[in-house]
PDB file of N, CA and C in Angstrom:
ATOM      1  N   MET A   1    -113.456  12.600  56.255  1.00  0.00           N
ATOM      2  CA  MET A   1    -114.252  11.622  55.534  1.00  0.00           C
ATOM      3  C   MET A   1    -113.317  10.573  54.951  1.00  0.00           C
ATOM      4  N   GLN A   2    -113.711   9.335  55.103  1.00  0.00           N
ATOM      5  CA  GLN A   2    -112.950   8.232  54.520  1.00  0.00           C
ATOM      6  C   GLN A   2    -113.422   8.044  53.075  1.00  0.00           C
ATOM      7  N   ILE A   3    -112.471   7.928  52.144  1.00  0.00           N
ATOM      8  CA  ILE A   3    -112.800   7.738  50.727  1.00  0.00           C
ATOM      9  C   ILE A   3    -112.140   6.452  50.250  1.00  0.00           C
ATOM     10  N   ILE A   4    -112.933   5.576  49.647  1.00  0.00           N
ATOM     11  CA  ILE A   4    -112.431   4.302  49.128  1.00  0.00           C
ATOM     12  C   ILE A   4    -112.681   4.290  47.619  1.00  0.00           C
ATOM     13  N   TYR A   5    -111.634   3.952  46.870  1.00  0.00           N
ATOM     14  CA  TYR A   5    -111.724   3.935  45.408  1.00  0.00           C
ATOM     15  C   TYR A   5    -111.710   2.497  44.905  1.00  0.00           C
ATOM     16  N   GLU A   6    -112.534   2.233  43.898  1.00  0.00           N
ATOM     17  CA  GLU A   6    -112.534   0.933  43.230  1.00  0.00           C
ATOM     18  C   GLU A   6    -112.568   1.171  41.731  1.00  0.00           C
ATOM     19  N   TYR A   7    -111.837   0.342  41.021  1.00  0.00           N
ATOM     20  CA  TYR A   7    -111.760   0.445  39.565  1.00  0.00           C
ATOM     21  C   TYR A   7    -112.182  -0.887  38.954  1.00  0.00           C
ATOM     22  N   HIS A   8    -113.049  -0.835  37.952  1.00  0.00           N
ATOM     23  CA  HIS A   8    -113.497  -2.029  37.248  1.00  0.00           C
ATOM     24  C   HIS A   8    -113.191  -1.842  35.768  1.00  0.00           C
ATOM     25  N   ASP A   9    -112.310  -2.678  35.249  1.00  0.00           N
ATOM     26  CA  ASP A   9    -111.875  -2.617  33.844  1.00  0.00           C
ATOM     27  C   ASP A   9    -111.216  -1.278  33.505  1.00  0.00           C
ATOM     28  N   VAL A  10    -110.589  -0.663  34.508  1.00  0.00           N
ATOM     29  CA  VAL A  10    -109.909   0.624  34.342  1.00  0.00           C
ATOM     30  C   VAL A  10    -108.648   0.597  35.194  1.00  0.00           C
ATOM     31  N   SER A  11    -107.585   1.225  34.709  1.00  0.00           N
ATOM     32  CA  SER A  11    -106.365   1.342  35.504  1.00  0.00           C
ATOM     33  C   SER A  11    -106.547   2.436  36.551  1.00  0.00           C
ATOM     34  N   ALA A  12    -105.969   2.234  37.723  1.00  0.00           N
ATOM     35  CA  ALA A  12    -106.045   3.234  38.793  1.00  0.00           C
ATOM     36  C   ALA A  12    -105.394   4.535  38.331  1.00  0.00           C
ATOM     37  N   SER A  13    -105.956   5.641  38.769  1.00  0.00           N
ATOM     38  CA  SER A  13    -105.459   6.946  38.339  1.00  0.00           C
ATOM     39  C   SER A  13    -105.363   7.887  39.539  1.00  0.00           C
ATOM     40  N   GLU A  14    -104.158   8.349  39.834  1.00  0.00           N
ATOM     41  CA  GLU A  14    -103.970   9.299  40.929  1.00  0.00           C
ATOM     42  C   GLU A  14    -104.660  10.622  40.629  1.00  0.00           C
ATOM     43  N   ARG A  15    -104.683  11.017  39.365  1.00  0.00           N
ATOM     44  CA  ARG A  15    -105.316  12.280  38.972  1.00  0.00           C
ATOM     45  C   ARG A  15    -106.822  12.228  39.233  1.00  0.00           C
ATOM     46  N   LEU A  16    -107.466  11.112  38.863  1.00  0.00           N
ATOM     47  CA  LEU A  16    -108.899  10.968  39.125  1.00  0.00           C
ATOM     48  C   LEU A  16    -109.183  10.949  40.624  1.00  0.00           C
ATOM     49  N   GLU A  17    -108.339  10.252  41.375  1.00  0.00           N
ATOM     50  CA  GLU A  17    -108.523  10.183  42.823  1.00  0.00           C
ATOM     51  C   GLU A  17    -108.376  11.565  43.458  1.00  0.00           C
ATOM     52  N   ALA A  18    -107.417  12.346  42.987  1.00  0.00           N
ATOM     53  CA  ALA A  18    -107.215  13.697  43.518  1.00  0.00           C
ATOM     54  C   ALA A  18    -108.417  14.585  43.212  1.00  0.00           C
ATOM     55  N   MET A  19    -108.947  14.478  41.989  1.00  0.00           N
ATOM     56  CA  MET A  19    -110.137  15.248  41.616  1.00  0.00           C
ATOM     57  C   MET A  19    -111.320  14.870  42.491  1.00  0.00           C
ATOM     58  N   ALA A  20    -111.539  13.569  42.641  1.00  0.00           N
ATOM     59  CA  ALA A  20    -112.664  13.082  43.441  1.00  0.00           C
ATOM     60  C   ALA A  20    -112.509  13.515  44.891  1.00  0.00           C
ATOM     61  N   LYS A  21    -111.292  13.405  45.422  1.00  0.00           N
ATOM     62  CA  LYS A  21    -111.050  13.778  46.816  1.00  0.00           C
ATOM     63  C   LYS A  21    -111.365  15.248  47.044  1.00  0.00           C
ATOM     64  N   GLU A  22    -110.902  16.108  46.149  1.00  0.00           N
ATOM     65  CA  GLU A  22    -111.143  17.542  46.286  1.00  0.00           C
ATOM     66  C   GLU A  22    -112.638  17.852  46.294  1.00  0.00           C
ATOM     67  N   LYS A  23    -113.364  17.272  45.351  1.00  0.00           N
ATOM     68  CA  LYS A  23    -114.799  17.541  45.245  1.00  0.00           C
ATOM     69  C   LYS A  23    -115.562  16.972  46.444  1.00  0.00           C
ATOM     70  N   LEU A  24    -115.168  15.777  46.891  1.00  0.00           N
ATOM     71  CA  LEU A  24    -115.853  15.167  48.032  1.00  0.00           C
ATOM     72  C   LEU A  24    -115.546  15.903  49.333  1.00  0.00           C
ATOM     73  N   GLU A  25    -114.325  16.395  49.470  1.00  0.00           N
ATOM     74  CA  GLU A  25    -113.997  17.163  50.672  1.00  0.00           C
ATOM     75  C   GLU A  25    -114.782  18.468  50.726  1.00  0.00           C
ATOM     76  N   ASN A  26    -115.012  19.083  49.571  1.00  0.00           N
ATOM     77  CA  ASN A  26    -115.852  20.286  49.533  1.00  0.00           C
ATOM     78  C   ASN A  26    -117.272  19.960  49.993  1.00  0.00           C
ATOM     79  N   LEU A  27    -117.782  18.798  49.559  1.00  0.00           N
ATOM     80  CA  LEU A  27    -119.113  18.380  49.999  1.00  0.00           C
ATOM     81  C   LEU A  27    -119.140  18.111  51.502  1.00  0.00           C
ATOM     82  N   SER A  28    -118.082  17.467  52.008  1.00  0.00           N
ATOM     83  CA  SER A  28    -118.077  17.102  53.429  1.00  0.00           C
ATOM     84  C   SER A  28    -117.979  18.339  54.329  1.00  0.00           C
ATOM     85  N   LYS A  29    -117.441  19.439  53.808  1.00  0.00           N
ATOM     86  CA  LYS A  29    -117.418  20.680  54.590  1.00  0.00           C
ATOM     87  C   LYS A  29    -118.832  21.237  54.753  1.00  0.00           C
ATOM     88  N   LYS A  30    -119.636  21.127  53.696  1.00  0.00           N
ATOM     89  CA  LYS A  30    -121.015  21.608  53.748  1.00  0.00           C
ATOM     90  C   LYS A  30    -121.919  20.651  54.502  1.00  0.00           C
ATOM     91  N   TYR A  31    -121.672  19.360  54.332  1.00  0.00           N
ATOM     92  CA  TYR A  31    -122.531  18.326  54.895  1.00  0.00           C
ATOM     93  C   TYR A  31    -121.676  17.437  55.793  1.00  0.00           C
ATOM     94  N   ASP A  32    -121.483  17.883  57.038  1.00  0.00           N
ATOM     95  CA  ASP A  32    -120.547  17.213  57.940  1.00  0.00           C
ATOM     96  C   ASP A  32    -121.040  15.870  58.469  1.00  0.00           C
ATOM     97  N   PHE A  33    -122.288  15.512  58.179  1.00  0.00           N
ATOM     98  CA  PHE A  33    -122.808  14.226  58.636  1.00  0.00           C
ATOM     99  C   PHE A  33    -122.380  13.058  57.745  1.00  0.00           C
ATOM    100  N   VAL A  34    -121.781  13.332  56.601  1.00  0.00           N
ATOM    101  CA  VAL A  34    -121.283  12.272  55.715  1.00  0.00           C
ATOM    102  C   VAL A  34    -119.932  11.809  56.244  1.00  0.00           C
ATOM    103  N   HIS A  35    -119.771  10.494  56.436  1.00  0.00           N
ATOM    104  CA  HIS A  35    -118.513  10.010  57.008  1.00  0.00           C
ATOM    105  C   HIS A  35    -117.731   9.070  56.107  1.00  0.00           C
ATOM    106  N   ARG A  36    -118.307   8.609  54.999  1.00  0.00           N
ATOM    107  CA  ARG A  36    -117.565   7.713  54.111  1.00  0.00           C
ATOM    108  C   ARG A  36    -118.105   7.828  52.699  1.00  0.00           C
ATOM    109  N   ALA A  37    -117.192   7.716  51.735  1.00  0.00           N
ATOM    110  CA  ALA A  37    -117.574   7.716  50.320  1.00  0.00           C
ATOM    111  C   ALA A  37    -116.884   6.553  49.625  1.00  0.00           C
ATOM    112  N   ASP A  38    -117.654   5.782  48.873  1.00  0.00           N
ATOM    113  CA  ASP A  38    -117.113   4.723  48.023  1.00  0.00           C
ATOM    114  C   ASP A  38    -117.241   5.212  46.588  1.00  0.00           C
ATOM    115  N   VAL A  39    -116.108   5.326  45.900  1.00  0.00           N
ATOM    116  CA  VAL A  39    -116.079   5.861  44.544  1.00  0.00           C
ATOM    117  C   VAL A  39    -115.698   4.732  43.592  1.00  0.00           C
ATOM    118  N   PHE A  40    -116.518   4.516  42.577  1.00  0.00           N
ATOM    119  CA  PHE A  40    -116.290   3.452  41.607  1.00  0.00           C
ATOM    120  C   PHE A  40    -116.115   4.063  40.220  1.00  0.00           C
ATOM    121  N   PHE A  41    -115.027   3.705  39.548  1.00  0.00           N
ATOM    122  CA  PHE A  41    -114.820   4.099  38.158  1.00  0.00           C
ATOM    123  C   PHE A  41    -114.856   2.820  37.338  1.00  0.00           C
ATOM    124  N   LYS A  42    -115.644   2.829  36.260  1.00  0.00           N
ATOM    125  CA  LYS A  42    -115.728   1.622  35.427  1.00  0.00           C
ATOM    126  C   LYS A  42    -116.079   1.995  33.994  1.00  0.00           C
ATOM    127  N   THR A  43    -115.798   1.085  33.107  1.00  0.00           N
ATOM    128  CA  THR A  43    -116.192   1.245  31.708  1.00  0.00           C
ATOM    129  C   THR A  43    -117.105   0.088  31.338  1.00  0.00           C
ATOM    130  N   GLU A  44    -117.988   0.344  30.394  1.00  0.00           N
ATOM    131  CA  GLU A  44    -118.885  -0.681  29.884  1.00  0.00           C
ATOM    132  C   GLU A  44    -118.916  -0.574  28.372  1.00  0.00           C
ATOM    133  N   ASN A  45    -119.149  -1.704  27.733  1.00  0.00           N
ATOM    134  CA  ASN A  45    -119.308  -1.709  26.280  1.00  0.00           C
ATOM    135  C   ASN A  45    -120.712  -1.232  25.950  1.00  0.00           C
ATOM    136  N   ARG A  46    -120.784  -0.097  25.275  1.00  0.00           N
ATOM    137  CA  ARG A  46    -122.070   0.484  24.898  1.00  0.00           C
ATOM    138  C   ARG A  46    -122.001   0.925  23.447  1.00  0.00           C
ATOM    139  N   SER A  47    -123.158   1.088  22.850  1.00  0.00           N
ATOM    140  CA  SER A  47    -123.194   1.511  21.455  1.00  0.00           C
ATOM    141  C   SER A  47    -122.916   3.003  21.301  1.00  0.00           C
ATOM    142  N   ASP A  48    -123.169   3.795  22.352  1.00  0.00           N
ATOM    143  CA  ASP A  48    -122.875   5.224  22.259  1.00  0.00           C
ATOM    144  C   ASP A  48    -121.494   5.516  22.864  1.00  0.00           C
ATOM    145  N   GLU A  49    -121.104   6.760  22.860  1.00  0.00           N
ATOM    146  CA  GLU A  49    -119.771   7.153  23.329  1.00  0.00           C
ATOM    147  C   GLU A  49    -119.678   7.298  24.842  1.00  0.00           C
ATOM    148  N   GLU A  50    -120.805   7.297  25.535  1.00  0.00           N
ATOM    149  CA  GLU A  50    -120.805   7.547  26.977  1.00  0.00           C
ATOM    150  C   GLU A  50    -120.621   6.238  27.748  1.00  0.00           C
ATOM    151  N   ASN A  51    -119.433   5.660  27.661  1.00  0.00           N
ATOM    152  CA  ASN A  51    -119.182   4.352  28.266  1.00  0.00           C
ATOM    153  C   ASN A  51    -118.320   4.424  29.525  1.00  0.00           C
ATOM    154  N   MET A  52    -118.039   5.619  30.019  1.00  0.00           N
ATOM    155  CA  MET A  52    -117.252   5.781  31.243  1.00  0.00           C
ATOM    156  C   MET A  52    -118.204   6.145  32.380  1.00  0.00           C
ATOM    157  N   PHE A  53    -118.164   5.356  33.451  1.00  0.00           N
ATOM    158  CA  PHE A  53    -119.095   5.526  34.563  1.00  0.00           C
ATOM    159  C   PHE A  53    -118.366   5.941  35.828  1.00  0.00           C
ATOM    160  N   CYS A  54    -119.004   6.783  36.595  1.00  0.00           N
ATOM    161  CA  CYS A  54    -118.546   7.140  37.935  1.00  0.00           C
ATOM    162  C   CYS A  54    -119.733   6.943  38.870  1.00  0.00           C
ATOM    163  N   ASP A  55    -119.584   6.038  39.831  1.00  0.00           N
ATOM    164  CA  ASP A  55    -120.617   5.786  40.830  1.00  0.00           C
ATOM    165  C   ASP A  55    -120.055   6.197  42.182  1.00  0.00           C
ATOM    166  N   ILE A  56    -120.872   6.831  42.998  1.00  0.00           N
ATOM    167  CA  ILE A  56    -120.451   7.200  44.347  1.00  0.00           C
ATOM    168  C   ILE A  56    -121.563   6.826  45.324  1.00  0.00           C
ATOM    169  N   ARG A  57    -121.154   6.148  46.389  1.00  0.00           N
ATOM    170  CA  ARG A  57    -122.073   5.793  47.466  1.00  0.00           C
ATOM    171  C   ARG A  57    -121.600   6.500  48.730  1.00  0.00           C
ATOM    172  N   LEU A  58    -122.479   7.296  49.334  1.00  0.00           N
ATOM    173  CA  LEU A  58    -122.141   8.022  50.557  1.00  0.00           C
ATOM    174  C   LEU A  58    -122.792   7.339  51.752  1.00  0.00           C
ATOM    175  N   SER A  59    -122.007   7.160  52.804  1.00  0.00           N
ATOM    176  CA  SER A  59    -122.522   6.595  54.052  1.00  0.00           C
ATOM    177  C   SER A  59    -122.656   7.706  55.076  1.00  0.00           C
ATOM    178  N   MET A  60    -123.777   7.671  55.789  1.00  0.00           N
ATOM    179  CA  MET A  60    -124.079   8.663  56.809  1.00  0.00           C
ATOM    180  C   MET A  60    -125.152   8.084  57.703  1.00  0.00           C
ATOM    181  N   PRO A  61    -125.509   8.761  58.781  1.00  0.00           N
ATOM    182  CA  PRO A  61    -126.612   8.263  59.592  1.00  0.00           C
ATOM    183  C   PRO A  61    -127.882   8.186  58.741  1.00  0.00           C
ATOM    184  N   GLY A  62    -128.599   7.096  58.859  1.00  0.00           N
ATOM    185  CA  GLY A  62    -129.791   6.917  58.036  1.00  0.00           C
ATOM    186  C   GLY A  62    -129.435   6.191  56.752  1.00  0.00           C
ATOM    187  N   PRO A  63    -130.263   6.338  55.736  1.00  0.00           N
ATOM    188  CA  PRO A  63    -130.011   5.620  54.487  1.00  0.00           C
ATOM    189  C   PRO A  63    -128.800   6.159  53.733  1.00  0.00           C
ATOM    190  N   ARG A  64    -128.170   5.286  52.971  1.00  0.00           N
ATOM    191  CA  ARG A  64    -127.049   5.701  52.122  1.00  0.00           C
ATOM    192  C   ARG A  64    -127.582   6.395  50.879  1.00  0.00           C
ATOM    193  N   ILE A  65    -126.721   7.171  50.267  1.00  0.00           N
ATOM    194  CA  ILE A  65    -127.056   7.820  48.998  1.00  0.00           C
ATOM    195  C   ILE A  65    -126.162   7.210  47.926  1.00  0.00           C
ATOM    196  N   PHE A  66    -126.749   6.849  46.792  1.00  0.00           N
ATOM    197  CA  PHE A  66    -125.989   6.287  45.681  1.00  0.00           C
ATOM    198  C   PHE A  66    -126.349   7.057  44.417  1.00  0.00           C
ATOM    199  N   VAL A  67    -125.309   7.466  43.682  1.00  0.00           N
ATOM    200  CA  VAL A  67    -125.509   8.172  42.417  1.00  0.00           C
ATOM    201  C   VAL A  67    -124.567   7.586  41.382  1.00  0.00           C
ATOM    202  N   SER A  68    -125.081   7.404  40.171  1.00  0.00           N
ATOM    203  CA  SER A  68    -124.281   6.892  39.067  1.00  0.00           C
ATOM    204  C   SER A  68    -124.456   7.809  37.866  1.00  0.00           C
ATOM    205  N   SER A  69    -123.345   8.125  37.208  1.00  0.00           N
ATOM    206  CA  SER A  69    -123.394   8.946  35.997  1.00  0.00           C
ATOM    207  C   SER A  69    -122.441   8.372  34.968  1.00  0.00           C
ATOM    208  N   ASN A  70    -122.778   8.575  33.710  1.00  0.00           N
ATOM    209  CA  ASN A  70    -121.873   8.149  32.645  1.00  0.00           C
ATOM    210  C   ASN A  70    -121.687   9.290  31.649  1.00  0.00           C
ATOM    211  N   ALA A  71    -120.501   9.305  31.048  1.00  0.00           N
ATOM    212  CA  ALA A  71    -120.158  10.357  30.092  1.00  0.00           C
ATOM    213  C   ALA A  71    -119.055   9.829  29.167  1.00  0.00           C
ATOM    214  N   GLU A  72    -118.564  10.699  28.302  1.00  0.00           N
ATOM    215  CA  GLU A  72    -117.496  10.314  27.378  1.00  0.00           C
ATOM    216  C   GLU A  72    -116.153  10.181  28.077  1.00  0.00           C
ATOM    217  N   ASN A  73    -115.987  10.855  29.238  1.00  0.00           N
ATOM    218  CA  ASN A  73    -114.749  10.733  30.006  1.00  0.00           C
ATOM    219  C   ASN A  73    -115.075  10.730  31.495  1.00  0.00           C
ATOM    220  N   PHE A  74    -114.125  10.272  32.289  1.00  0.00           N
ATOM    221  CA  PHE A  74    -114.364  10.142  33.722  1.00  0.00           C
ATOM    222  C   PHE A  74    -114.537  11.491  34.420  1.00  0.00           C
ATOM    223  N   GLU A  75    -113.855  12.520  33.934  1.00  0.00           N
ATOM    224  CA  GLU A  75    -113.957  13.831  34.559  1.00  0.00           C
ATOM    225  C   GLU A  75    -115.384  14.365  34.477  1.00  0.00           C
ATOM    226  N   ALA A  76    -115.996  14.237  33.313  1.00  0.00           N
ATOM    227  CA  ALA A  76    -117.374  14.706  33.139  1.00  0.00           C
ATOM    228  C   ALA A  76    -118.343  13.860  33.963  1.00  0.00           C
ATOM    229  N   ALA A  77    -118.125  12.552  33.987  1.00  0.00           N
ATOM    230  CA  ALA A  77    -118.985  11.672  34.780  1.00  0.00           C
ATOM    231  C   ALA A  77    -118.869  11.998  36.266  1.00  0.00           C
ATOM    232  N   LEU A  78    -117.643  12.264  36.732  1.00  0.00           N
ATOM    233  CA  LEU A  78    -117.425  12.619  38.135  1.00  0.00           C
ATOM    234  C   LEU A  78    -118.137  13.928  38.474  1.00  0.00           C
ATOM    235  N   SER A  79    -118.012  14.934  37.633  1.00  0.00           N
ATOM    236  CA  SER A  79    -118.656  16.228  37.884  1.00  0.00           C
ATOM    237  C   SER A  79    -120.174  16.087  37.950  1.00  0.00           C
ATOM    238  N   GLU A  80    -120.736  15.309  37.046  1.00  0.00           N
ATOM    239  CA  GLU A  80    -122.183  15.104  37.041  1.00  0.00           C
ATOM    240  C   GLU A  80    -122.629  14.347  38.292  1.00  0.00           C
ATOM    241  N   THR A  81    -121.859  13.360  38.703  1.00  0.00           N
ATOM    242  CA  THR A  81    -122.180  12.593  39.905  1.00  0.00           C
ATOM    243  C   THR A  81    -122.150  13.485  41.136  1.00  0.00           C
ATOM    244  N   ILE A  82    -121.129  14.326  41.261  1.00  0.00           N
ATOM    245  CA  ILE A  82    -121.011  15.238  42.402  1.00  0.00           C
ATOM    246  C   ILE A  82    -122.186  16.216  42.427  1.00  0.00           C
ATOM    247  N   ARG A  83    -122.569  16.719  41.268  1.00  0.00           N
ATOM    248  CA  ARG A  83    -123.702  17.657  41.181  1.00  0.00           C
ATOM    249  C   ARG A  83    -124.991  16.972  41.673  1.00  0.00           C
ATOM    250  N   ASP A  84    -125.207  15.728  41.248  1.00  0.00           N
ATOM    251  CA  ASP A  84    -126.391  14.984  41.689  1.00  0.00           C
ATOM    252  C   ASP A  84    -126.337  14.683  43.186  1.00  0.00           C
ATOM    253  N   LEU A  85    -125.149  14.368  43.698  1.00  0.00           N
ATOM    254  CA  LEU A  85    -124.995  14.109  45.133  1.00  0.00           C
ATOM    255  C   LEU A  85    -125.334  15.356  45.944  1.00  0.00           C
ATOM    256  N   GLU A  86    -124.849  16.491  45.491  1.00  0.00           N
ATOM    257  CA  GLU A  86    -125.114  17.729  46.222  1.00  0.00           C
ATOM    258  C   GLU A  86    -126.612  18.007  46.288  1.00  0.00           C
ATOM    259  N   HIS A  87    -127.299  17.743  45.194  1.00  0.00           N
ATOM    260  CA  HIS A  87    -128.753  17.936  45.159  1.00  0.00           C
ATOM    261  C   HIS A  87    -129.429  17.034  46.193  1.00  0.00           C
ATOM    262  N   GLN A  88    -129.028  15.763  46.243  1.00  0.00           N
ATOM    263  CA  GLN A  88    -129.626  14.836  47.206  1.00  0.00           C
ATOM    264  C   GLN A  88    -129.256  15.199  48.646  1.00  0.00           C
ATOM    265  N   LEU A  89    -128.004  15.615  48.870  1.00  0.00           N
ATOM    266  CA  LEU A  89    -127.578  15.995  50.215  1.00  0.00           C
ATOM    267  C   LEU A  89    -128.328  17.230  50.713  1.00  0.00           C
ATOM    268  N   ARG A  90    -128.617  18.144  49.806  1.00  0.00           N
ATOM    269  CA  ARG A  90    -129.377  19.339  50.178  1.00  0.00           C
ATOM    270  C   ARG A  90    -130.761  18.923  50.691  1.00  0.00           C
ATOM    271  N   LYS A  91    -131.386  17.953  50.021  1.00  0.00           N
ATOM    272  CA  LYS A  91    -132.691  17.457  50.460  1.00  0.00           C
ATOM    273  C   LYS A  91    -132.596  16.814  51.844  1.00  0.00           C
ATOM    274  N   VAL A  92    -131.558  16.004  52.058  1.00  0.00           N
ATOM    275  CA  VAL A  92    -131.378  15.337  53.350  1.00  0.00           C
ATOM    276  C   VAL A  92    -131.189  16.367  54.455  1.00  0.00           C
ATOM    277  N   LYS A  93    -130.380  17.381  54.187  1.00  0.00           N
ATOM    278  CA  LYS A  93    -130.115  18.410  55.201  1.00  0.00           C
ATOM    279  C   LYS A  93    -131.386  19.181  55.532  1.00  0.00           C
ATOM    280  N   GLU A  94    -132.226  19.454  54.521  1.00  0.00           N
ATOM    281  CA  GLU A  94    -133.485  20.151  54.757  1.00  0.00           C
ATOM    282  C   GLU A  94    -134.392  19.317  55.657  1.00  0.00           C
ATOM    283  N   LYS A  95    -134.421  18.002  55.429  1.00  0.00           N
ATOM    284  CA  LYS A  95    -135.244  17.128  56.268  1.00  0.00           C
ATOM    285  C   LYS A  95    -134.717  17.093  57.694  1.00  0.00           C
ATOM    286  N   LEU A  96    -133.392  17.052  57.852  1.00  0.00           N
ATOM    287  CA  LEU A  96    -132.797  17.019  59.183  1.00  0.00           C
ATOM    288  C   LEU A  96    -133.077  18.307  59.941  1.00  0.00           C
ATOM    289  N   SER A  97    -132.984  19.433  59.271  1.00  0.00           N
ATOM    290  CA  SER A  97    -133.190  20.712  59.948  1.00  0.00           C
ATOM    291  C   SER A  97    -134.672  20.962  60.245  1.00  0.00           C
ATOM    292  N   ALA A  98    -135.573  20.264  59.558  1.00  0.00           N
ATOM    293  CA  ALA A  98    -137.002  20.430  59.793  1.00  0.00           C
ATOM    294  C   ALA A  98    -137.438  19.767  61.101  1.00  0.00           C
ATOM    295  N   HIS A  99    -136.619  18.820  61.584  1.00  0.00           N
ATOM    296  CA  HIS A  99    -136.993  18.100  62.819  1.00  0.00           C
ATOM    297  C   HIS A  99    -136.429  18.757  64.030  1.00  0.00           C
TER     298      HIS A  99
END
C-alpha cells in the first residue's frame, strides 16, 4: 500500500508516520483491496482541547473512504481514525462478499 503524509500547521514527525504506517499495514493485510492511503495531520484553533486532527483517505476500487478524528494529541486522533476506518472497511468487505 502506498502511504502519503501531509502536514498542515504541524512539523513532520517520523514517529507519527511510523505509527500510522504500522496501523495502516495491519489494515491492508485484512483488506487487500486498499491500495493507497493519504494521511493528514493538522491543528486548528478551537475553544476546547481537542485541536489535533488526523484525517485519512483510502483509495480502492469503487468509492474512496474518508475519516476524520480530533483529540488532545495526534496519537489518540490516529487511533480513533483507524478504528473508524476498520468499521467502514468491514462494511465494504461484507458488501463485496455478498455479490
